[in-house]
Amino acid sequence: MRRTVLSTLLVALLLAVPVAGATGGVAGAADRSGAGAAPAVDPGAAALQQASNPCVGTMEQTPDRTTLFSIQGARGGEKTSAMVVGARPNGSIVGVHNDSDAGRWWSYDIDVLDNGNILQATTDSRDTLIEEIDPETGEHLSERRFENAYDTHDVDLINGDELLMNDMSQDGEDRVLIYNLTQERVTWEYYFANYSEHYPKSGGGEFGGDWTHNNDVEQIRDGVIMVSVRNFDKVVAIDRETKELRWELGSDDNTSILHEQHNPDYLSSEDGSATVIVADSLNDRVVEYEREGDSWNQTWVLRGGRLSEPRDADRLPNGNTLIADRRAHRIVEVTPDGEVVWEVYSPYQPYDVERIGTGDESSGPTMADIGEGGVVESAGGADFDTADIEACYDYLTGFESSRLIPEEDMGAVGASPTATEGEGTTGGGSGDGADGDASDGDDTESGSNGDSVLGTPTSGSGPTPLGTVLAVGAVVALVAGALVRLKRD
C-alpha cells in the first residue's frame, strides 16, 4: 500500500513540474537571457530585412539606439491592431508586441524603466491596465488593473514606488491620481471638478461626459505635477501638497496657443527658464514655449510638410525632435530647421515614441539654448501613399518576433532623473488620498516577481500562473490524502 501511495505522489509531482514550466509565470533574469529570449539579428540579416521592409521612409541620419513606439490602433472608424514596435537605427523592425492579440483595446504611453522593462498604459474594455513588458521576449511580466480609472493615456513611475496616472472617468470624476505600489492604495487625487475657478463646468467638453480629457501627466520636480488638460486647451502645473496651480499655459478655446494638445514635456534652459514642448495636435504642429515672469513666449514652431495631429514630441540630446505623427501614421526625427532625417511608418495612429538611452520624456536642449527658434516648415519626408501605409501595416501585423530591443542594444537604458531645479516642495502628497480597494490597482494574480516593478504576474500574454497554482494545490491534496492513508495503514 505504501508503495502505491508513494508512486501516486511521484506521478503527481512529475505532472506538476511541466505545468509550471508551460505556464512560464514570470521568468527570472537568467531565464530571459537564455532560450526564452529571441535571438539577436546579425547585421547582414538586419540589412536584408531593411531592404524588404515597407515601413522605412527617409533615412538621412542614423541614430545610435533603438526606437520604441506605440500604435493606438484605429483607421478612421475601423479598429486596427494596437501594438508596441521596436525599430533599429536603420529602420528595420526588431519585433512587434501585439496588444490586440493579448486582448487589449488601445495602446498608449510607453516608458523604459530603470530595470530595462517597458511600462505601458493600455485598456481592456473600460478598465485601465498598467503593464510591464519584458523587452527581450515581448511578454507581459506583470500588470495592475484599475477598474475605477477610465481610458488612462499616461502613467509614470515616480519616487520608486508610485504610479502617477491620468483618469478620464466621466460623471465629473475626471482626476489625476497617485497609486502607491508599496501600500497598494491610492494616496493622492486631484479632482478637476473641485477647482471650478480653473475648469468651469461650462468649459471643455460636456460636463459628465468627456469633460476635461486630461491626457498626460509628468512630475517635473519634487512635489510639482504637470498635466495636459486637452479639452481646456491648456497645460497646468499642480502643487502636490497644496493643489494650487503653479502656472498655466494656454486657456480654453484660445486655440492660437494650444488646441487639444498631447504629451507636453518640461525642459529647463541653461538660465533656469521653464520651457515646455508640446504636440499641439489640432494645430498640426509642434510648439515650444518659454516662461518669462508670469507670461509665456513662443520660441519655436514646427509645422507643414505632412505633419498631421502629432501626438508626441520628444527633444533629443542632439537637439532634434522625435515625433509621433498621428494622422500621417509615421515616426519622424526632425532637425531644428525642420528637415526630416529619420522616418518609419507606424500604422495606424502612433501615440507615443521613445528613443532608448535618452530617458523618459524629453532630455535635450531648448531651442533657445542652441540658438534656434522661430517658425520652421517641415520638409524632406518620403513621398508615401495609402498603399505604402497599408503594406507597412500588413508587415507589422505579420511580424513573427515579439522582441522589442535587440540584444546588442540591451545596455543601460539611460533613464533621466526627475528635474530638481527651481521652486517646489518635497513629495509626500496631501491628506485626501483614498484608501483604495480592489477596483484600484487590483492584482491579477497573487505573488511577486523580483525583476518586476509592478510586482504581480499577469494573464496579459499567454498562459497564466493559474495552472501552476492548481497543480501545486493538487499535489498538496494528494500528499495530505496519502499521509492519512499511511497513518491508517
Protein backbone atom coordinates (compact mmCIF):
# COMPACT_ATOMS: atom_id res chain seq x y z
CA MET A 1 0.00 0.00 0.00
CA ARG A 2 2.80 2.38 0.92
CA ARG A 3 4.46 1.68 -2.46
CA THR A 4 1.23 2.60 -4.28
CA VAL A 5 0.86 5.82 -2.34
CA LEU A 6 4.47 6.85 -2.96
CA SER A 7 4.08 6.08 -6.68
CA THR A 8 0.99 8.29 -6.79
CA LEU A 9 2.93 11.16 -5.18
CA LEU A 10 5.79 10.79 -7.68
CA VAL A 11 3.42 10.89 -10.66
CA ALA A 12 1.68 13.98 -9.26
CA LEU A 13 4.97 15.81 -8.84
CA LEU A 14 6.09 14.91 -12.37
CA LEU A 15 2.82 16.23 -13.73
CA ALA A 16 3.09 19.46 -11.77
CA VAL A 17 6.56 20.36 -12.97
CA PRO A 18 5.70 20.52 -16.73
CA VAL A 19 2.60 22.59 -15.94
CA ALA A 20 4.71 25.15 -14.13
CA GLY A 21 7.17 25.21 -16.98
CA ALA A 22 4.45 25.59 -19.62
CA THR A 23 2.77 28.49 -17.88
CA GLY A 24 6.07 30.29 -17.72
CA GLY A 25 4.94 32.54 -14.89
CA VAL A 26 7.42 35.38 -14.66
CA ALA A 27 10.85 34.46 -15.92
CA GLY A 28 13.89 35.43 -13.90
CA ALA A 29 16.79 37.36 -15.39
CA ALA A 30 18.71 34.18 -16.16
CA ASP A 31 15.70 32.68 -17.93
CA ARG A 32 15.18 35.75 -20.11
CA SER A 33 18.78 35.76 -21.30
CA GLY A 34 18.65 32.12 -22.36
CA ALA A 35 16.39 30.01 -24.50
CA GLY A 36 13.33 32.15 -23.82
CA ALA A 37 14.84 35.22 -25.44
CA ALA A 38 14.57 35.93 -29.15
CA PRO A 39 17.91 35.51 -30.95
CA ALA A 40 19.86 38.57 -31.93
CA VAL A 41 19.74 39.59 -35.59
CA ASP A 42 23.16 39.81 -37.18
CA PRO A 43 23.97 42.92 -39.23
CA GLY A 44 23.60 41.05 -42.53
CA ALA A 45 20.13 39.82 -41.64
CA ALA A 46 19.14 43.27 -40.42
CA ALA A 47 20.30 44.82 -43.69
CA LEU A 48 18.33 42.24 -45.68
CA GLN A 49 15.20 42.93 -43.64
CA GLN A 50 15.66 46.67 -44.09
CA ALA A 51 15.82 46.25 -47.85
CA SER A 52 12.45 44.45 -47.91
CA ASN A 53 10.86 46.49 -45.14
CA PRO A 54 7.94 48.60 -46.44
CA CYS A 55 7.91 50.68 -43.24
CA VAL A 56 11.12 52.63 -43.96
CA GLY A 57 10.86 56.22 -45.14
CA THR A 58 13.57 58.89 -45.13
CA MET A 59 16.95 57.82 -43.67
CA GLU A 60 19.33 60.79 -43.77
CA GLN A 61 20.73 60.27 -40.26
CA THR A 62 21.16 57.07 -38.28
CA PRO A 63 20.60 57.21 -34.51
CA ASP A 64 22.75 55.19 -32.13
CA ARG A 65 19.95 53.33 -30.38
CA THR A 66 16.63 51.53 -30.87
CA THR A 67 13.38 53.49 -31.20
CA LEU A 68 10.22 52.22 -29.49
CA PHE A 69 6.74 53.43 -30.38
CA SER A 70 3.17 52.55 -29.51
CA ILE A 71 0.37 52.37 -32.07
CA GLN A 72 -3.08 53.16 -30.73
CA GLY A 73 -4.88 51.10 -33.39
CA ALA A 74 -7.55 52.95 -35.40
CA ARG A 75 -8.07 53.67 -39.10
CA GLY A 76 -10.91 56.13 -39.38
CA GLY A 77 -13.85 54.41 -37.69
CA GLU A 78 -12.27 50.97 -38.07
CA LYS A 79 -10.46 49.25 -35.19
CA THR A 80 -6.99 48.01 -36.12
CA SER A 81 -4.25 46.31 -34.13
CA ALA A 82 -2.81 48.14 -31.14
CA MET A 83 0.92 47.45 -30.92
CA VAL A 84 4.30 48.34 -29.48
CA VAL A 85 7.09 48.25 -32.07
CA GLY A 86 10.88 48.29 -31.82
CA ALA A 87 12.86 49.73 -34.76
CA ARG A 88 16.62 49.61 -35.28
CA PRO A 89 18.63 52.69 -36.26
CA ASN A 90 18.33 51.72 -39.96
CA GLY A 91 14.54 51.38 -39.67
CA SER A 92 14.48 47.58 -39.73
CA ILE A 93 11.97 46.12 -37.29
CA VAL A 94 13.22 44.34 -34.17
CA GLY A 95 9.82 42.98 -33.22
CA VAL A 96 6.17 43.72 -32.55
CA HIS A 97 4.22 43.29 -29.32
CA ASN A 98 0.62 42.97 -30.49
CA ASP A 99 -1.62 44.28 -27.71
CA SER A 100 -4.78 43.38 -29.59
CA ASP A 101 -3.74 39.72 -29.72
CA ALA A 102 -3.41 39.92 -25.92
CA GLY A 103 -6.98 41.18 -25.58
CA ARG A 104 -6.18 44.88 -25.22
CA TRP A 105 -8.09 47.65 -26.99
CA TRP A 106 -5.91 50.78 -27.07
CA SER A 107 -2.13 51.16 -26.70
CA TYR A 108 -0.95 54.43 -25.20
CA ASP A 109 2.05 55.56 -23.16
CA ILE A 110 5.29 53.55 -23.10
CA ASP A 111 8.28 54.23 -20.82
CA VAL A 112 11.55 52.35 -20.43
CA LEU A 113 12.13 51.67 -16.73
CA ASP A 114 15.46 51.65 -14.92
CA ASN A 115 15.30 47.83 -14.80
CA GLY A 116 15.12 47.74 -18.61
CA ASN A 117 11.48 46.68 -18.79
CA ILE A 118 8.78 48.67 -20.56
CA LEU A 119 5.92 50.28 -18.64
CA GLN A 120 2.76 50.63 -20.73
CA ALA A 121 -0.74 52.08 -20.36
CA THR A 122 -3.40 50.01 -22.15
CA THR A 123 -7.12 49.41 -21.87
CA ASP A 124 -9.29 46.32 -21.58
CA SER A 125 -12.98 47.10 -22.04
CA ARG A 126 -13.50 50.18 -19.84
CA ASP A 127 -10.70 49.23 -17.44
CA THR A 128 -7.19 50.65 -17.40
CA LEU A 129 -4.34 48.14 -17.42
CA ILE A 130 -0.85 49.24 -16.44
CA GLU A 131 1.58 46.62 -17.68
CA GLU A 132 5.25 45.78 -17.57
CA ILE A 133 6.72 44.17 -20.69
CA ASP A 134 9.95 42.20 -20.99
CA PRO A 135 11.78 43.80 -23.96
CA GLU A 136 13.71 40.59 -24.69
CA THR A 137 10.62 38.44 -25.23
CA GLY A 138 7.77 40.92 -25.65
CA GLU A 139 5.85 39.07 -22.93
CA HIS A 140 3.85 40.72 -20.16
CA LEU A 141 5.65 40.32 -16.85
CA SER A 142 3.02 41.90 -14.61
CA GLU A 143 0.03 44.19 -14.58
CA ARG A 144 -2.22 46.31 -12.40
CA ARG A 145 -5.87 46.62 -13.29
CA PHE A 146 -7.73 49.83 -12.41
CA GLU A 147 -11.47 49.37 -12.77
CA ASN A 148 -12.09 52.88 -11.41
CA ALA A 149 -9.74 54.58 -13.87
CA TYR A 150 -11.11 55.07 -17.37
CA ASP A 151 -9.04 55.19 -20.55
CA THR A 152 -5.75 56.14 -18.90
CA HIS A 153 -3.42 57.53 -21.57
CA ASP A 154 -0.32 58.11 -19.44
CA VAL A 155 1.39 56.52 -16.45
CA ASP A 156 4.78 57.37 -14.95
CA LEU A 157 6.69 55.56 -12.23
CA ILE A 158 7.83 58.25 -9.77
CA ASN A 159 9.70 58.19 -6.46
CA GLY A 160 10.49 54.50 -6.82
CA ASP A 161 7.11 53.03 -5.93
CA GLU A 162 4.36 55.39 -7.08
CA LEU A 163 2.31 55.30 -10.28
CA LEU A 164 1.29 58.79 -11.44
CA MET A 165 -1.72 58.42 -13.76
CA ASN A 166 -4.43 60.34 -15.53
CA ASP A 167 -8.04 59.18 -15.28
CA MET A 168 -10.67 60.29 -17.81
CA SER A 169 -13.61 58.92 -15.84
CA GLN A 170 -16.90 60.59 -16.68
CA ASP A 171 -19.78 61.83 -14.49
CA GLY A 172 -17.49 64.63 -13.31
CA GLU A 173 -14.97 62.18 -11.84
CA ASP A 174 -12.06 63.27 -14.05
CA ARG A 175 -8.89 63.17 -11.96
CA VAL A 176 -5.15 62.70 -11.65
CA LEU A 177 -4.12 60.07 -9.13
CA ILE A 178 -1.08 58.54 -7.47
CA TYR A 179 -1.18 54.85 -6.62
CA ASN A 180 1.42 53.63 -4.12
CA LEU A 181 2.70 50.17 -5.06
CA THR A 182 4.11 49.53 -1.59
CA GLN A 183 0.92 50.46 0.24
CA GLU A 184 -1.28 49.12 -2.59
CA ARG A 185 -3.70 52.04 -2.45
CA VAL A 186 -4.40 55.44 -3.95
CA THR A 187 -2.57 58.02 -1.82
CA TRP A 188 -3.27 61.24 -3.74
CA GLU A 189 -6.03 62.51 -6.03
CA TYR A 190 -6.80 65.74 -7.84
CA TYR A 191 -10.42 66.03 -8.99
CA PHE A 192 -10.84 68.73 -11.61
CA ALA A 193 -14.47 69.35 -10.62
CA ASN A 194 -13.26 70.63 -7.24
CA TYR A 195 -11.46 73.58 -8.89
CA SER A 196 -14.12 75.33 -10.94
CA GLU A 197 -12.12 78.56 -10.98
CA HIS A 198 -9.68 76.83 -13.31
CA TYR A 199 -12.04 74.35 -15.00
CA PRO A 200 -15.60 75.73 -15.17
CA LYS A 201 -18.28 73.15 -15.90
CA SER A 202 -19.36 75.27 -18.84
CA GLY A 203 -15.91 74.88 -20.44
CA GLY A 204 -14.11 71.99 -22.05
CA GLY A 205 -16.25 69.14 -23.29
CA GLU A 206 -19.67 68.21 -21.95
CA PHE A 207 -19.62 68.03 -18.15
CA GLY A 208 -20.43 64.49 -17.10
CA GLY A 209 -19.07 63.16 -20.37
CA ASP A 210 -15.58 63.60 -21.82
CA TRP A 211 -15.21 66.89 -19.96
CA THR A 212 -11.51 67.57 -19.35
CA HIS A 213 -9.92 64.77 -21.39
CA ASN A 214 -6.78 65.15 -19.25
CA ASN A 215 -4.37 63.01 -21.24
CA ASP A 216 -0.82 63.40 -19.89
CA VAL A 217 0.95 63.65 -16.53
CA GLU A 218 4.56 64.32 -15.60
CA GLN A 219 6.33 65.03 -12.32
CA ILE A 220 8.50 67.95 -13.39
CA ARG A 221 10.20 68.29 -10.00
CA ASP A 222 9.60 67.05 -6.49
CA GLY A 223 6.08 67.96 -5.48
CA VAL A 224 5.04 69.52 -8.81
CA ILE A 225 2.94 67.66 -11.39
CA MET A 226 2.37 68.91 -14.93
CA VAL A 227 -0.93 67.88 -16.55
CA SER A 228 -2.28 68.28 -20.08
CA VAL A 229 -5.98 69.22 -19.89
CA ARG A 230 -6.80 68.71 -23.55
CA ASN A 231 -10.42 69.88 -23.73
CA PHE A 232 -9.46 73.11 -21.95
CA ASP A 233 -6.58 73.74 -24.40
CA LYS A 234 -4.06 74.17 -21.61
CA VAL A 235 -1.23 72.64 -19.62
CA VAL A 236 -1.07 73.23 -15.86
CA ALA A 237 1.49 72.67 -13.10
CA ILE A 238 -0.10 71.48 -9.83
CA ASP A 239 1.49 71.69 -6.39
CA ARG A 240 1.10 68.20 -4.95
CA GLU A 241 0.83 69.39 -1.34
CA THR A 242 -1.45 72.41 -1.68
CA LYS A 243 -3.12 71.51 -5.02
CA GLU A 244 -2.71 75.11 -6.12
CA LEU A 245 -1.61 75.86 -9.68
CA ARG A 246 1.99 76.99 -10.06
CA TRP A 247 1.31 78.11 -13.63
CA GLU A 248 -0.97 77.67 -16.65
CA LEU A 249 -0.04 77.57 -20.32
CA GLY A 250 -2.98 78.24 -22.64
CA SER A 251 -6.67 78.79 -21.96
CA ASP A 252 -9.98 77.29 -23.00
CA ASP A 253 -10.84 77.99 -26.66
CA ASN A 254 -7.77 80.19 -27.21
CA THR A 255 -6.55 77.88 -29.92
CA SER A 256 -3.78 80.20 -31.07
CA ILE A 257 -1.75 78.98 -28.07
CA LEU A 258 -2.76 75.32 -27.86
CA HIS A 259 -5.56 73.32 -29.48
CA GLU A 260 -6.38 69.92 -27.93
CA GLN A 261 -2.73 69.14 -27.25
CA HIS A 262 -0.97 65.92 -26.20
CA ASN A 263 2.15 64.85 -24.32
CA PRO A 264 3.76 68.13 -23.21
CA ASP A 265 7.35 67.76 -21.98
CA TYR A 266 9.08 70.01 -19.49
CA LEU A 267 12.55 71.35 -20.25
CA SER A 268 14.75 73.74 -18.31
CA SER A 269 17.00 76.14 -20.19
CA GLU A 270 20.57 76.91 -19.19
CA ASP A 271 19.40 80.10 -17.45
CA GLY A 272 16.76 78.17 -15.49
CA SER A 273 13.76 79.30 -17.51
CA ALA A 274 10.91 76.82 -17.61
CA THR A 275 10.27 75.57 -21.14
CA VAL A 276 7.50 73.30 -22.43
CA ILE A 277 7.48 71.49 -25.79
CA VAL A 278 4.03 70.32 -26.86
CA ALA A 279 2.49 68.19 -29.57
CA ASP A 280 -0.15 70.79 -30.47
CA SER A 281 -2.41 68.27 -32.12
CA LEU A 282 -5.30 70.11 -33.75
CA ASN A 283 -2.99 72.94 -34.82
CA ASP A 284 -0.97 70.29 -36.73
CA ARG A 285 2.29 71.47 -35.24
CA VAL A 286 4.90 71.04 -32.52
CA VAL A 287 5.41 74.17 -30.47
CA GLU A 288 7.81 75.29 -27.74
CA TYR A 289 7.13 77.95 -25.09
CA GLU A 290 9.49 79.57 -22.61
CA ARG A 291 8.23 81.13 -19.40
CA GLU A 292 9.32 84.68 -18.59
CA GLY A 293 7.87 86.08 -15.38
CA ASP A 294 4.16 85.30 -15.46
CA SER A 295 3.89 85.02 -19.24
CA TRP A 296 4.90 82.57 -21.94
CA ASN A 297 6.88 83.33 -25.10
CA GLN A 298 6.55 81.13 -28.17
CA THR A 299 10.14 80.30 -29.11
CA TRP A 300 9.81 77.59 -31.80
CA VAL A 301 7.13 76.16 -34.10
CA LEU A 302 7.40 73.20 -36.44
CA ARG A 303 4.57 72.94 -38.96
CA GLY A 304 3.77 71.99 -42.53
CA GLY A 305 5.06 69.11 -44.58
CA ARG A 306 2.88 66.11 -43.82
CA LEU A 307 2.62 66.89 -40.11
CA SER A 308 -0.93 65.95 -39.07
CA GLU A 309 -2.20 65.84 -35.48
CA PRO A 310 1.09 64.96 -33.76
CA ARG A 311 0.64 63.01 -30.54
CA ASP A 312 4.13 63.12 -29.01
CA ALA A 313 7.25 65.25 -29.41
CA ASP A 314 10.48 64.48 -27.51
CA ARG A 315 13.56 66.70 -27.64
CA LEU A 316 16.63 64.52 -28.16
CA PRO A 317 20.12 65.24 -26.75
CA ASN A 318 21.35 66.17 -30.25
CA GLY A 319 18.75 68.96 -30.50
CA ASN A 320 16.49 67.11 -32.93
CA THR A 321 12.86 66.35 -32.09
CA LEU A 322 11.35 62.85 -32.25
CA ILE A 323 7.65 62.96 -33.18
CA ALA A 324 4.72 60.53 -33.26
CA ASP A 325 2.75 61.94 -36.20
CA ARG A 326 -0.74 60.51 -35.70
CA ARG A 327 -2.69 61.11 -38.90
CA ALA A 328 0.37 60.67 -41.12
CA HIS A 329 0.98 57.28 -39.46
CA ARG A 330 4.70 57.75 -39.06
CA ILE A 331 7.53 58.39 -36.59
CA VAL A 332 9.91 61.17 -37.63
CA GLU A 333 13.08 62.74 -36.30
CA VAL A 334 13.31 66.40 -37.34
CA THR A 335 16.19 68.89 -37.08
CA PRO A 336 15.69 72.36 -35.52
CA ASP A 337 15.29 73.84 -39.02
CA GLY A 338 12.56 71.34 -39.95
CA GLU A 339 14.38 68.71 -42.01
CA VAL A 340 13.11 65.14 -41.64
CA VAL A 341 16.22 62.97 -41.17
CA TRP A 342 14.70 59.68 -39.90
CA GLU A 343 11.27 58.28 -40.76
CA VAL A 344 9.47 55.00 -40.06
CA TYR A 345 5.81 54.36 -40.87
CA SER A 346 3.58 53.33 -37.95
CA PRO A 347 0.01 52.50 -38.96
CA TYR A 348 -2.48 53.10 -37.63
CA GLN A 349 -2.22 56.16 -35.38
CA PRO A 350 1.06 56.16 -33.41
CA TYR A 351 0.67 57.54 -29.91
CA ASP A 352 3.98 57.58 -28.03
CA VAL A 353 7.63 57.28 -29.04
CA GLU A 354 10.84 56.75 -27.06
CA ARG A 355 14.49 56.55 -28.13
CA ILE A 356 16.40 54.07 -25.97
CA GLY A 357 19.15 55.71 -23.92
CA THR A 358 17.60 59.19 -23.83
CA GLY A 359 15.41 58.69 -20.76
CA ASP A 360 11.70 59.17 -20.33
CA GLU A 361 10.17 62.29 -21.90
CA SER A 362 12.49 64.94 -23.40
CA SER A 363 16.17 65.05 -22.46
CA GLY A 364 17.62 67.54 -24.91
CA PRO A 365 18.28 71.28 -25.00
CA THR A 366 15.76 74.05 -25.52
CA MET A 367 15.81 75.82 -28.86
CA ALA A 368 16.93 78.99 -27.13
CA ASP A 369 19.98 77.22 -25.73
CA ILE A 370 21.14 76.08 -29.20
CA GLY A 371 20.42 79.42 -30.85
CA GLU A 372 17.42 78.24 -32.86
CA GLY A 373 13.86 79.47 -32.97
CA GLY A 374 11.03 80.94 -34.98
CA VAL A 375 8.53 79.24 -37.26
CA VAL A 376 10.01 76.48 -39.44
CA GLU A 377 8.40 74.39 -42.15
CA SER A 378 8.84 70.62 -42.09
CA ALA A 379 10.44 69.22 -45.24
CA GLY A 380 12.23 66.16 -46.55
CA GLY A 381 9.85 63.34 -45.65
CA ALA A 382 9.25 60.43 -48.02
CA ASP A 383 6.58 60.61 -50.70
CA PHE A 384 4.39 57.76 -49.44
CA ASP A 385 0.75 56.95 -50.16
CA THR A 386 -2.11 54.88 -48.73
CA ALA A 387 -0.84 51.68 -50.37
CA ASP A 388 2.57 52.15 -48.72
CA ILE A 389 0.98 52.57 -45.30
CA GLU A 390 -1.24 49.51 -45.79
CA ALA A 391 1.79 47.44 -46.84
CA CYS A 392 3.57 48.51 -43.66
CA TYR A 393 0.54 47.57 -41.55
CA ASP A 394 0.44 44.10 -43.09
CA TYR A 395 4.17 43.75 -42.48
CA LEU A 396 3.89 44.72 -38.81
CA THR A 397 0.86 42.58 -38.03
CA GLY A 398 2.53 39.58 -39.68
CA PHE A 399 5.89 40.06 -37.98
CA GLU A 400 6.94 36.94 -36.09
CA SER A 401 9.34 38.23 -33.43
CA SER A 402 7.92 39.95 -30.35
CA ARG A 403 11.31 41.05 -29.07
CA LEU A 404 11.41 44.85 -28.84
CA ILE A 405 15.06 45.71 -28.14
CA PRO A 406 17.87 43.79 -29.88
CA GLU A 407 20.46 42.02 -27.79
CA GLU A 408 23.19 44.41 -28.86
CA ASP A 409 21.17 47.36 -27.51
CA MET A 410 20.25 45.89 -24.11
CA GLY A 411 22.75 48.02 -22.19
CA ALA A 412 21.92 50.87 -19.85
CA VAL A 413 18.62 52.43 -20.80
CA GLY A 414 19.71 55.86 -19.58
CA ALA A 415 16.62 56.83 -17.64
CA SER A 416 16.77 60.52 -16.88
CA PRO A 417 16.25 61.68 -13.31
CA THR A 418 13.44 64.00 -12.34
CA ALA A 419 14.40 67.67 -12.55
CA THR A 420 15.05 69.30 -9.19
CA GLU A 421 15.84 72.87 -10.14
CA GLY A 422 13.54 75.73 -9.33
CA GLU A 423 10.95 76.10 -6.64
CA GLY A 424 8.99 73.18 -5.32
CA THR A 425 8.02 71.25 -2.26
CA THR A 426 9.12 67.78 -1.40
CA GLY A 427 6.80 64.98 -2.43
CA GLY A 428 4.64 63.35 0.14
CA GLY A 429 1.18 64.11 -1.03
CA SER A 430 -1.81 65.73 0.56
CA GLY A 431 -4.17 64.20 3.04
CA ASP A 432 -7.18 63.47 0.86
CA GLY A 433 -5.96 60.25 -0.72
CA ALA A 434 -8.40 57.39 -0.96
CA ASP A 435 -7.74 54.11 0.80
CA GLY A 436 -8.28 52.22 -2.44
CA ASP A 437 -9.91 48.85 -2.97
CA ALA A 438 -9.99 46.02 -5.45
CA SER A 439 -11.08 48.40 -8.19
CA ASP A 440 -7.90 50.48 -7.94
CA GLY A 441 -4.67 48.64 -8.67
CA ASP A 442 -6.04 45.14 -8.19
CA ASP A 443 -3.54 42.31 -8.60
CA THR A 444 -4.30 39.93 -11.45
CA GLU A 445 -2.74 37.07 -9.51
CA SER A 446 -1.08 36.80 -6.13
CA GLY A 447 2.68 36.62 -5.81
CA SER A 448 5.52 38.85 -6.93
CA ASN A 449 8.49 38.95 -9.24
CA GLY A 450 11.80 40.32 -8.11
CA ASP A 451 12.57 41.70 -11.57
CA SER A 452 9.21 43.45 -11.92
CA VAL A 453 8.41 46.94 -10.71
CA LEU A 454 4.67 46.27 -10.62
CA GLY A 455 5.35 43.03 -8.79
CA THR A 456 2.39 40.92 -9.90
CA PRO A 457 2.28 38.15 -12.52
CA THR A 458 -0.18 38.72 -15.30
CA SER A 459 -2.57 36.92 -17.60
CA GLY A 460 -1.86 39.53 -20.25
CA SER A 461 0.05 37.37 -22.71
CA GLY A 462 -0.03 33.61 -22.96
CA PRO A 463 -0.81 31.16 -20.17
CA THR A 464 -1.09 32.37 -16.58
CA PRO A 465 0.37 31.04 -13.33
CA LEU A 466 -3.11 29.61 -12.60
CA GLY A 467 -2.09 26.20 -13.92
CA THR A 468 0.87 26.12 -11.58
CA VAL A 469 -1.32 27.07 -8.64
CA LEU A 470 -3.83 24.33 -9.47
CA ALA A 471 -1.08 21.77 -9.94
CA VAL A 472 0.55 22.61 -6.62
CA GLY A 473 -2.86 22.51 -4.97
CA ALA A 474 -3.47 19.06 -6.42
CA VAL A 475 -0.11 17.83 -5.12
CA VAL A 476 -0.84 19.21 -1.66
CA ALA A 477 -4.21 17.44 -1.64
CA LEU A 478 -2.63 14.17 -2.73
CA VAL A 479 0.10 14.47 -0.11
CA ALA A 480 -2.47 15.13 2.60
CA GLY A 481 -4.57 12.18 1.50
CA ALA A 482 -1.53 9.94 1.29
CA LEU A 483 -0.41 10.82 4.78
CA VAL A 484 -3.83 9.98 6.13
CA ARG A 485 -3.79 6.63 4.34
CA LEU A 486 -0.26 5.88 5.54
CA LYS A 487 -1.31 6.66 9.07
CA ARG A 488 -4.29 4.33 8.76
CA ASP A 489 -2.09 1.58 7.34
